[in-house]
Structure formats: structure tokens, C-alpha cells
């Protein structure tokens, strides 16, 4: 009973860095906008659904994008100081749905976001010099530059007992 109450508390609170209780996320490659809206309307009819969004890689089940390396300067990519991170595709609708709030900088804008914009976790920001210092700077992943738009609180999606994984939300 105690464990059940703890799990129920964790999925309904923001203590894990995001909210995922009573949220529906759909994603199917190749659906047009009309088909997506039809599925969203069907999900919204379920009484337990508080929010529904056309999703991307998400935390509703444990899976990740491939881990890649990130660093703050192009020249240092040759060194062995790279940081292993998890990349997840996201947009403003998705971040708002899981109630992510920035602790430095800002989230993606609703329209006209630059394609190389990223929002990173606090753990990654601390490894790169701190949340306030990294906002607006460029980081590299496999020689691809990304501009750090904002920093969010760490997100726990594997286990509250596991170490926090540096995370990048890529627009």
C-alpha cells in the first residue's frame, strides 16, 4: 500500500520534473492533420484524459532516442571530454503538456522556432558551466551545432533511484 501510494504521488506530482498522469500522446508517421484531430477528439472523450497531444518520443513508456555526444566547442569534439546525452524531439505544445518550466532561458516559441534550438536539462547545463552561462551558447553533437534556448529542471523517467541522465529536447 505504501509503495502504491508513493508511485501514485510521483506520477501525479511535478517532483519527477514533468507531469504524465491522465495525459494521452499519439504519434503515427504519415497521419495527416485531419486524421490526427480525429484521433485526438476520440481520446478526449475518455473521462480519464485531462490532456491529449500529438506526441513525439515521450516519457509515457521507457524508450529513448540514441545517446550521442555533446560538447561546447567544435575543436574539443576531438577530445575525450564528450558528454553522453539522450536526445528527444519536442515542440512547445509537448513541453506545455507535461508542464515543463524553464529555470534559465526560455522554452521553444510557438511559431518560427529555429531548427537547431534545444532545451537542456539542469544536469547537462551544470556539466557545461551552469544554467545561466550556457543559455544562448552553441553545443555540438556529431559536428551538428545546436543553440541552447533554455534549461529545465532534471527529468526522472527511468527510476527515482537512478542517476539523472543529461537530456536534450531538440526542436
N, C-alpha and C. Protein backbone atom coordinates (compact mmCIF):
# COMPACT_ATOMS: atom_id res chain seq x y z
N UNK A 1 0.83 -1.19 0.00
CA UNK A 1 0.00 0.00 0.00
C UNK A 1 0.88 1.25 0.00
N UNK A 2 1.93 1.24 0.80
CA UNK A 2 2.82 2.40 0.86
C UNK A 2 3.48 2.63 -0.49
N UNK A 3 3.98 1.57 -1.11
CA UNK A 3 4.63 1.71 -2.42
C UNK A 3 3.63 2.20 -3.46
N UNK A 4 2.41 1.70 -3.43
CA UNK A 4 1.38 2.13 -4.38
C UNK A 4 1.10 3.62 -4.20
N UNK A 5 0.99 4.06 -2.97
CA UNK A 5 0.75 5.49 -2.72
C UNK A 5 1.93 6.35 -3.17
N UNK A 6 3.15 5.86 -2.99
CA UNK A 6 4.33 6.62 -3.45
C UNK A 6 4.34 6.75 -4.96
N UNK A 7 4.09 5.65 -5.67
CA UNK A 7 4.06 5.70 -7.13
C UNK A 7 2.94 6.62 -7.61
N UNK A 8 1.77 6.50 -7.00
CA UNK A 8 0.65 7.35 -7.37
C UNK A 8 0.98 8.82 -7.14
N UNK A 9 1.65 9.12 -6.04
CA UNK A 9 2.06 10.51 -5.78
C UNK A 9 3.04 10.99 -6.85
N UNK A 10 4.03 10.16 -7.18
CA UNK A 10 5.07 10.56 -8.13
C UNK A 10 4.49 10.85 -9.52
N UNK A 11 3.56 10.02 -10.00
CA UNK A 11 3.04 10.26 -11.35
C UNK A 11 2.06 11.43 -11.39
N UNK A 12 1.54 11.82 -10.24
CA UNK A 12 0.61 12.94 -10.22
C UNK A 12 1.22 14.25 -9.79
N UNK A 13 2.51 14.24 -9.43
CA UNK A 13 3.16 15.48 -8.97
C UNK A 13 4.24 15.90 -9.97
N UNK A 14 4.84 17.05 -9.72
CA UNK A 14 5.91 17.53 -10.58
C UNK A 14 7.28 17.18 -10.01
N UNK A 15 7.34 16.34 -8.97
CA UNK A 15 8.61 16.00 -8.33
C UNK A 15 9.57 15.25 -9.25
N UNK A 16 9.05 14.62 -10.30
CA UNK A 16 9.91 13.91 -11.25
C UNK A 16 10.32 14.83 -12.40
N UNK A 17 9.91 16.09 -12.35
CA UNK A 17 10.33 17.06 -13.36
C UNK A 17 9.31 17.29 -14.45
N UNK A 18 8.25 16.52 -14.47
CA UNK A 18 7.22 16.65 -15.50
C UNK A 18 5.95 15.99 -14.99
N UNK A 19 4.85 16.22 -15.66
CA UNK A 19 3.58 15.61 -15.31
C UNK A 19 3.21 14.61 -16.41
N UNK A 20 2.79 13.42 -16.03
CA UNK A 20 2.39 12.45 -17.04
C UNK A 20 1.11 11.71 -16.70
N UNK A 21 0.42 12.14 -15.67
CA UNK A 21 -0.80 11.48 -15.23
C UNK A 21 -1.99 11.97 -16.04
N UNK A 22 -2.80 11.05 -16.56
CA UNK A 22 -4.01 11.36 -17.34
C UNK A 22 -3.73 12.15 -18.60
N UNK A 23 -2.63 11.84 -19.26
CA UNK A 23 -2.25 12.52 -20.50
C UNK A 23 -2.17 11.49 -21.62
N UNK A 24 -2.78 11.83 -22.74
CA UNK A 24 -2.72 10.96 -23.91
C UNK A 24 -1.79 11.56 -24.95
N UNK A 25 -0.92 10.74 -25.52
CA UNK A 25 0.00 11.19 -26.54
C UNK A 25 -0.10 10.23 -27.72
N UNK A 26 -0.32 10.78 -28.90
CA UNK A 26 -0.39 9.92 -30.09
C UNK A 26 0.67 10.35 -31.08
N UNK A 27 1.20 9.36 -31.77
CA UNK A 27 2.11 9.65 -32.87
C UNK A 27 2.08 8.48 -33.84
N UNK A 28 1.82 8.78 -35.06
CA UNK A 28 1.87 7.78 -36.12
C UNK A 28 2.39 8.45 -37.36
N UNK A 29 3.51 8.01 -37.85
CA UNK A 29 4.10 8.59 -39.05
C UNK A 29 3.12 8.47 -40.21
N UNK A 30 2.94 9.55 -40.94
CA UNK A 30 2.09 9.52 -42.13
C UNK A 30 0.66 9.97 -41.93
N UNK A 31 0.24 10.23 -40.70
CA UNK A 31 -1.12 10.72 -40.49
C UNK A 31 -1.20 12.18 -40.93
N UNK A 32 -2.28 12.54 -41.59
CA UNK A 32 -2.46 13.95 -41.94
C UNK A 32 -3.15 14.66 -40.77
N UNK A 33 -3.26 15.97 -40.87
CA UNK A 33 -3.79 16.77 -39.76
C UNK A 33 -5.23 16.40 -39.41
N UNK A 34 -6.04 16.10 -40.40
CA UNK A 34 -7.43 15.71 -40.16
C UNK A 34 -7.51 14.40 -39.39
N UNK A 35 -6.68 13.43 -39.76
CA UNK A 35 -6.67 12.15 -39.06
C UNK A 35 -6.18 12.30 -37.62
N UNK A 36 -5.16 13.12 -37.42
CA UNK A 36 -4.65 13.37 -36.06
C UNK A 36 -5.74 14.00 -35.20
N UNK A 37 -6.43 15.02 -35.74
CA UNK A 37 -7.50 15.67 -34.99
C UNK A 37 -8.62 14.69 -34.64
N UNK A 38 -8.95 13.78 -35.55
CA UNK A 38 -10.00 12.79 -35.28
C UNK A 38 -9.60 11.88 -34.12
N UNK A 39 -8.36 11.42 -34.11
CA UNK A 39 -7.89 10.55 -33.02
C UNK A 39 -7.85 11.33 -31.70
N UNK A 40 -7.37 12.58 -31.75
CA UNK A 40 -7.32 13.40 -30.54
C UNK A 40 -8.72 13.60 -29.95
N UNK A 41 -9.71 13.84 -30.81
CA UNK A 41 -11.09 14.03 -30.33
C UNK A 41 -11.62 12.75 -29.68
N UNK A 42 -11.29 11.60 -30.24
CA UNK A 42 -11.72 10.33 -29.64
C UNK A 42 -11.09 10.14 -28.26
N UNK A 43 -9.79 10.44 -28.15
CA UNK A 43 -9.12 10.30 -26.85
C UNK A 43 -9.67 11.27 -25.82
N UNK A 44 -10.02 12.48 -26.24
CA UNK A 44 -10.55 13.48 -25.31
C UNK A 44 -11.90 13.07 -24.72
N UNK A 45 -12.59 12.14 -25.38
CA UNK A 45 -13.89 11.68 -24.87
C UNK A 45 -13.74 10.72 -23.70
N UNK A 46 -12.53 10.18 -23.52
CA UNK A 46 -12.31 9.29 -22.38
C UNK A 46 -12.30 10.12 -21.11
N UNK A 47 -13.07 9.75 -20.08
CA UNK A 47 -13.16 10.58 -18.87
C UNK A 47 -11.85 10.76 -18.13
N UNK A 48 -10.92 9.80 -18.24
CA UNK A 48 -9.66 9.91 -17.50
C UNK A 48 -8.62 10.77 -18.21
N UNK A 49 -8.88 11.22 -19.42
CA UNK A 49 -7.92 12.04 -20.18
C UNK A 49 -8.09 13.52 -19.84
N UNK A 50 -7.05 14.10 -19.24
CA UNK A 50 -7.05 15.53 -18.97
C UNK A 50 -6.49 16.31 -20.16
N UNK A 51 -5.49 15.72 -20.83
CA UNK A 51 -4.82 16.39 -21.95
C UNK A 51 -4.53 15.36 -23.03
N UNK A 52 -4.53 15.82 -24.27
CA UNK A 52 -4.16 14.96 -25.40
C UNK A 52 -3.29 15.80 -26.33
N UNK A 53 -2.21 15.22 -26.80
CA UNK A 53 -1.30 15.94 -27.69
C UNK A 53 -0.78 15.00 -28.76
N UNK A 54 -0.49 15.54 -29.91
CA UNK A 54 0.20 14.79 -30.95
C UNK A 54 1.65 14.73 -30.51
N UNK A 55 2.13 13.57 -30.12
CA UNK A 55 3.41 13.46 -29.41
C UNK A 55 4.58 13.12 -30.28
N UNK A 56 5.69 13.09 -29.62
CA UNK A 56 6.98 12.72 -30.19
C UNK A 56 7.53 11.64 -29.30
N UNK A 57 8.84 11.40 -29.30
CA UNK A 57 9.41 10.50 -28.30
C UNK A 57 8.98 11.03 -26.94
N UNK A 58 8.51 10.16 -26.08
CA UNK A 58 7.96 10.66 -24.82
C UNK A 58 8.38 9.81 -23.65
N UNK A 59 7.94 10.22 -22.47
CA UNK A 59 8.24 9.50 -21.24
C UNK A 59 7.11 8.60 -20.82
N UNK A 60 6.10 8.45 -21.65
CA UNK A 60 4.96 7.66 -21.23
C UNK A 60 5.31 6.18 -21.20
N UNK A 61 6.29 5.79 -21.93
CA UNK A 61 6.88 4.47 -21.82
C UNK A 61 8.39 4.70 -21.83
N UNK A 62 9.13 3.76 -21.31
CA UNK A 62 10.57 3.97 -21.29
C UNK A 62 11.17 3.64 -22.65
N UNK A 63 11.58 4.62 -23.35
CA UNK A 63 12.38 4.47 -24.55
C UNK A 63 13.07 5.79 -24.81
N UNK A 64 14.14 5.73 -25.56
CA UNK A 64 14.92 6.94 -25.77
C UNK A 64 15.36 7.04 -27.22
N UNK A 65 15.76 8.23 -27.57
CA UNK A 65 16.49 8.39 -28.82
C UNK A 65 17.90 7.88 -28.55
N UNK A 66 18.69 7.74 -29.59
CA UNK A 66 20.04 7.23 -29.37
C UNK A 66 20.87 8.24 -28.58
N UNK A 67 21.74 7.71 -27.75
CA UNK A 67 22.65 8.57 -26.99
C UNK A 67 23.76 9.04 -27.92
N UNK A 68 24.07 10.33 -27.84
CA UNK A 68 25.12 10.90 -28.67
C UNK A 68 26.01 11.77 -27.82
N UNK A 69 27.07 12.31 -28.40
CA UNK A 69 27.99 13.13 -27.64
C UNK A 69 27.73 14.61 -27.91
N UNK A 70 28.00 15.40 -26.90
CA UNK A 70 27.78 16.83 -26.98
C UNK A 70 28.97 17.53 -26.35
N UNK A 71 29.35 18.67 -26.90
CA UNK A 71 30.41 19.47 -26.28
C UNK A 71 30.17 20.93 -26.66
N UNK A 72 30.90 21.83 -26.03
CA UNK A 72 30.63 23.24 -26.23
C UNK A 72 31.47 23.90 -27.30
N UNK A 73 32.51 23.26 -27.76
CA UNK A 73 33.31 23.85 -28.83
C UNK A 73 33.61 22.80 -29.90
N UNK A 74 33.63 23.24 -31.13
CA UNK A 74 33.87 22.34 -32.25
C UNK A 74 35.23 21.66 -32.11
N UNK A 75 36.24 22.41 -31.71
CA UNK A 75 37.60 21.87 -31.60
C UNK A 75 37.69 20.77 -30.54
N UNK A 76 36.91 20.89 -29.48
CA UNK A 76 37.02 19.92 -28.41
C UNK A 76 36.29 18.61 -28.72
N UNK A 77 35.61 18.55 -29.85
CA UNK A 77 34.97 17.29 -30.23
C UNK A 77 35.98 16.17 -30.43
N UNK A 78 37.21 16.55 -30.74
CA UNK A 78 38.26 15.56 -30.96
C UNK A 78 38.72 14.96 -29.63
N UNK A 79 38.53 15.69 -28.54
CA UNK A 79 39.00 15.24 -27.23
C UNK A 79 38.10 14.12 -26.68
N UNK A 80 38.49 13.59 -25.54
CA UNK A 80 37.72 12.53 -24.88
C UNK A 80 36.79 13.08 -23.81
N UNK A 81 36.49 14.38 -23.84
CA UNK A 81 35.68 15.01 -22.81
C UNK A 81 34.21 15.13 -23.19
N UNK A 82 33.78 14.39 -24.18
CA UNK A 82 32.39 14.47 -24.61
C UNK A 82 31.46 13.93 -23.53
N UNK A 83 30.23 14.41 -23.54
CA UNK A 83 29.23 14.03 -22.55
C UNK A 83 28.16 13.21 -23.24
N UNK A 84 27.81 12.07 -22.66
CA UNK A 84 26.75 11.24 -23.22
C UNK A 84 25.40 11.83 -22.84
N UNK A 85 24.52 12.00 -23.82
CA UNK A 85 23.20 12.59 -23.56
C UNK A 85 22.13 11.79 -24.29
N UNK A 86 20.89 12.03 -23.91
CA UNK A 86 19.73 11.47 -24.60
C UNK A 86 19.02 12.62 -25.32
N UNK A 87 18.74 12.45 -26.61
CA UNK A 87 18.02 13.45 -27.40
C UNK A 87 16.57 13.02 -27.55
N UNK A 88 15.66 13.97 -27.37
CA UNK A 88 14.23 13.72 -27.55
C UNK A 88 13.66 14.85 -28.39
N UNK A 89 12.92 14.51 -29.42
CA UNK A 89 12.26 15.52 -30.26
C UNK A 89 11.07 16.08 -29.48
N UNK A 90 10.88 17.39 -29.54
CA UNK A 90 9.78 18.02 -28.82
C UNK A 90 9.44 19.36 -29.47
N UNK A 91 8.28 19.88 -29.14
CA UNK A 91 7.89 21.23 -29.53
C UNK A 91 7.25 21.90 -28.31
N UNK A 92 6.78 23.12 -28.46
CA UNK A 92 6.22 23.86 -27.32
C UNK A 92 4.96 23.19 -26.78
N UNK A 93 4.13 22.67 -27.68
CA UNK A 93 2.90 22.01 -27.24
C UNK A 93 3.22 20.83 -26.31
N UNK A 94 4.22 20.05 -26.68
CA UNK A 94 4.61 18.90 -25.88
C UNK A 94 5.15 19.33 -24.52
N UNK A 95 6.04 20.33 -24.50
CA UNK A 95 6.61 20.79 -23.23
C UNK A 95 5.55 21.39 -22.32
N UNK A 96 4.59 22.11 -22.90
CA UNK A 96 3.49 22.66 -22.10
C UNK A 96 2.61 21.55 -21.55
N UNK A 97 2.39 20.51 -22.35
CA UNK A 97 1.54 19.41 -21.92
C UNK A 97 2.09 18.74 -20.67
N UNK A 98 3.40 18.50 -20.63
CA UNK A 98 3.98 17.84 -19.46
C UNK A 98 4.41 18.86 -18.40
N UNK A 99 4.00 20.10 -18.60
CA UNK A 99 4.18 21.19 -17.63
C UNK A 99 5.63 21.45 -17.25
N UNK A 100 6.49 21.43 -18.25
CA UNK A 100 7.90 21.77 -18.06
C UNK A 100 8.03 23.28 -17.93
N UNK A 101 8.83 23.73 -16.98
CA UNK A 101 9.09 25.16 -16.80
C UNK A 101 10.59 25.41 -16.88
N UNK A 102 11.01 26.48 -17.54
CA UNK A 102 12.45 26.77 -17.61
C UNK A 102 12.96 27.31 -16.28
N UNK A 103 14.21 26.95 -15.95
CA UNK A 103 14.86 27.55 -14.78
C UNK A 103 15.86 28.61 -15.25
N UNK A 104 16.19 28.59 -16.54
CA UNK A 104 17.04 29.61 -17.16
C UNK A 104 16.66 29.67 -18.64
N UNK A 105 16.73 30.84 -19.22
CA UNK A 105 16.36 30.98 -20.62
C UNK A 105 14.87 30.82 -20.80
N UNK A 106 14.48 30.20 -21.93
CA UNK A 106 13.07 30.02 -22.23
C UNK A 106 12.84 28.73 -22.99
N UNK A 107 11.57 28.35 -23.12
CA UNK A 107 11.20 27.18 -23.90
C UNK A 107 11.10 27.56 -25.36
N UNK A 108 10.82 26.58 -26.21
CA UNK A 108 10.62 26.86 -27.63
C UNK A 108 9.46 27.82 -27.80
N UNK A 109 9.51 28.65 -28.85
CA UNK A 109 8.38 29.54 -29.13
C UNK A 109 7.31 28.74 -29.84
N UNK A 110 6.11 29.29 -29.91
CA UNK A 110 5.00 28.59 -30.56
C UNK A 110 5.17 28.55 -32.06
N UNK A 111 5.75 29.58 -32.63
CA UNK A 111 5.90 29.65 -34.09
C UNK A 111 7.31 30.11 -34.42
N UNK A 112 7.76 29.77 -35.60
CA UNK A 112 9.03 30.25 -36.15
C UNK A 112 10.24 29.94 -35.28
N UNK A 113 10.26 28.76 -34.69
CA UNK A 113 11.42 28.36 -33.89
C UNK A 113 12.55 27.96 -34.84
N UNK A 114 13.77 28.31 -34.47
CA UNK A 114 14.90 27.91 -35.30
C UNK A 114 15.10 26.40 -35.18
N UNK A 115 15.46 25.77 -36.27
CA UNK A 115 15.54 24.32 -36.32
C UNK A 115 16.63 23.74 -35.42
N UNK A 116 17.65 24.51 -35.12
CA UNK A 116 18.74 23.96 -34.31
C UNK A 116 18.62 24.35 -32.83
N UNK A 117 17.43 24.74 -32.39
CA UNK A 117 17.22 25.13 -30.99
C UNK A 117 17.07 23.88 -30.12
N UNK A 118 17.63 23.96 -28.91
CA UNK A 118 17.48 22.88 -27.93
C UNK A 118 17.19 23.46 -26.56
N UNK A 119 16.53 22.66 -25.75
CA UNK A 119 16.32 22.94 -24.32
C UNK A 119 16.99 21.78 -23.61
N UNK A 120 17.84 22.08 -22.63
CA UNK A 120 18.63 21.03 -21.98
C UNK A 120 18.28 20.91 -20.49
N UNK A 121 18.64 19.77 -19.92
CA UNK A 121 18.38 19.53 -18.50
C UNK A 121 19.42 20.24 -17.63
N UNK A 122 19.06 20.41 -16.38
CA UNK A 122 19.94 21.08 -15.42
C UNK A 122 21.26 20.32 -15.23
N UNK A 123 21.21 19.00 -15.23
CA UNK A 123 22.44 18.21 -15.09
C UNK A 123 23.40 18.51 -16.22
N UNK A 124 22.91 18.53 -17.46
CA UNK A 124 23.76 18.83 -18.59
C UNK A 124 24.28 20.27 -18.51
N UNK A 125 23.40 21.20 -18.14
CA UNK A 125 23.82 22.60 -18.02
C UNK A 125 24.95 22.74 -17.00
N UNK A 126 24.83 22.04 -15.88
CA UNK A 126 25.89 22.12 -14.85
C UNK A 126 27.21 21.55 -15.36
N UNK A 127 27.13 20.50 -16.17
CA UNK A 127 28.35 19.94 -16.75
C UNK A 127 29.00 20.89 -17.77
N UNK A 128 28.20 21.81 -18.31
CA UNK A 128 28.68 22.74 -19.33
C UNK A 128 28.91 24.15 -18.79
N UNK A 129 28.95 24.31 -17.47
CA UNK A 129 29.28 25.61 -16.89
C UNK A 129 28.19 26.28 -16.10
N UNK A 130 26.99 25.73 -16.08
CA UNK A 130 25.90 26.29 -15.29
C UNK A 130 24.75 26.78 -16.16
N UNK A 131 23.52 26.74 -15.61
CA UNK A 131 22.33 27.12 -16.38
C UNK A 131 22.38 28.52 -16.98
N UNK A 132 22.78 29.50 -16.22
CA UNK A 132 22.80 30.89 -16.73
C UNK A 132 23.89 31.10 -17.78
N UNK A 133 25.01 30.39 -17.64
CA UNK A 133 26.13 30.58 -18.56
C UNK A 133 25.94 29.90 -19.91
N UNK A 134 25.17 28.80 -19.96
CA UNK A 134 25.06 28.03 -21.20
C UNK A 134 23.95 28.53 -22.13
N UNK A 135 22.96 29.25 -21.59
CA UNK A 135 21.85 29.74 -22.42
C UNK A 135 22.40 30.68 -23.50
N UNK A 136 22.02 30.42 -24.74
CA UNK A 136 22.46 31.22 -25.87
C UNK A 136 23.74 30.72 -26.51
N UNK A 137 24.43 29.79 -25.87
CA UNK A 137 25.67 29.25 -26.41
C UNK A 137 25.38 28.10 -27.37
N UNK A 138 26.38 27.74 -28.16
CA UNK A 138 26.25 26.65 -29.11
C UNK A 138 26.93 25.40 -28.56
N UNK A 139 26.23 24.27 -28.65
CA UNK A 139 26.82 22.99 -28.32
C UNK A 139 26.84 22.16 -29.61
N UNK A 140 27.68 21.15 -29.65
CA UNK A 140 27.82 20.34 -30.86
C UNK A 140 27.49 18.88 -30.56
N UNK A 141 26.83 18.26 -31.51
CA UNK A 141 26.53 16.84 -31.44
C UNK A 141 26.88 16.25 -32.80
N UNK A 142 27.89 15.39 -32.81
CA UNK A 142 28.38 14.84 -34.08
C UNK A 142 28.57 15.95 -35.11
N UNK A 143 29.22 17.01 -34.70
CA UNK A 143 29.57 18.16 -35.53
C UNK A 143 28.37 19.02 -35.94
N UNK A 144 27.18 18.70 -35.47
CA UNK A 144 25.99 19.49 -35.75
C UNK A 144 25.83 20.52 -34.64
N UNK A 145 25.78 21.82 -34.97
CA UNK A 145 25.63 22.83 -33.92
C UNK A 145 24.16 22.99 -33.47
N UNK A 146 23.98 23.19 -32.18
CA UNK A 146 22.67 23.46 -31.60
C UNK A 146 22.80 24.65 -30.65
N UNK A 147 21.82 25.54 -30.66
CA UNK A 147 21.82 26.70 -29.78
C UNK A 147 20.93 26.38 -28.58
N UNK A 148 21.49 26.56 -27.38
CA UNK A 148 20.75 26.29 -26.15
C UNK A 148 19.78 27.45 -25.89
N UNK A 149 18.51 27.15 -25.99
CA UNK A 149 17.47 28.16 -25.80
C UNK A 149 17.08 28.30 -24.32
N UNK A 150 17.11 27.18 -23.60
CA UNK A 150 16.72 27.21 -22.20
C UNK A 150 17.20 25.99 -21.45
N UNK A 151 17.05 26.06 -20.13
CA UNK A 151 17.42 24.97 -19.23
C UNK A 151 16.21 24.65 -18.37
N UNK A 152 15.94 23.35 -18.22
CA UNK A 152 14.82 22.91 -17.39
C UNK A 152 15.34 22.08 -16.22
N UNK A 153 14.49 21.92 -15.21
CA UNK A 153 14.80 21.06 -14.09
C UNK A 153 15.03 19.64 -14.60
N UNK A 154 15.85 18.88 -13.94
CA UNK A 154 16.09 17.49 -14.34
C UNK A 154 14.79 16.70 -14.38
N UNK A 155 14.72 15.79 -15.34
CA UNK A 155 13.56 14.95 -15.54
C UNK A 155 13.93 13.52 -15.19
N UNK A 156 13.15 12.87 -14.35
CA UNK A 156 13.38 11.49 -13.95
C UNK A 156 12.37 10.62 -14.67
N UNK A 157 12.82 9.82 -15.61
CA UNK A 157 11.87 8.97 -16.33
C UNK A 157 12.22 7.49 -16.28
N UNK A 158 13.31 7.12 -15.68
CA UNK A 158 13.60 5.70 -15.54
C UNK A 158 13.22 5.23 -14.15
N UNK A 159 13.87 5.76 -13.15
CA UNK A 159 13.60 5.41 -11.76
C UNK A 159 14.04 6.56 -10.88
N UNK A 160 13.27 6.90 -9.85
CA UNK A 160 13.70 7.96 -8.94
C UNK A 160 15.01 7.64 -8.23
N UNK A 161 15.41 6.37 -8.23
CA UNK A 161 16.65 5.96 -7.58
C UNK A 161 17.85 6.00 -8.52
N UNK A 162 17.61 6.09 -9.84
CA UNK A 162 18.70 6.08 -10.82
C UNK A 162 19.31 7.48 -10.96
N UNK A 163 20.56 7.51 -11.37
CA UNK A 163 21.22 8.79 -11.61
C UNK A 163 20.54 9.52 -12.77
N UNK A 164 20.50 10.83 -12.71
CA UNK A 164 19.87 11.63 -13.76
C UNK A 164 20.71 11.59 -15.02
N UNK A 165 20.07 11.35 -16.14
CA UNK A 165 20.74 11.29 -17.44
C UNK A 165 20.69 12.69 -18.07
N UNK A 166 21.84 13.24 -18.54
CA UNK A 166 21.79 14.52 -19.24
C UNK A 166 20.84 14.40 -20.44
N UNK A 167 19.97 15.39 -20.58
CA UNK A 167 18.87 15.31 -21.54
C UNK A 167 18.84 16.55 -22.43
N UNK A 168 18.51 16.35 -23.70
CA UNK A 168 18.37 17.44 -24.66
C UNK A 168 17.03 17.28 -25.36
N UNK A 169 16.17 18.32 -25.25
CA UNK A 169 14.96 18.38 -26.07
C UNK A 169 15.33 19.12 -27.33
N UNK A 170 15.24 18.46 -28.47
CA UNK A 170 15.57 19.05 -29.75
C UNK A 170 14.29 19.47 -30.45
N UNK A 171 14.24 20.71 -30.94
CA UNK A 171 13.05 21.19 -31.63
C UNK A 171 12.87 20.44 -32.92
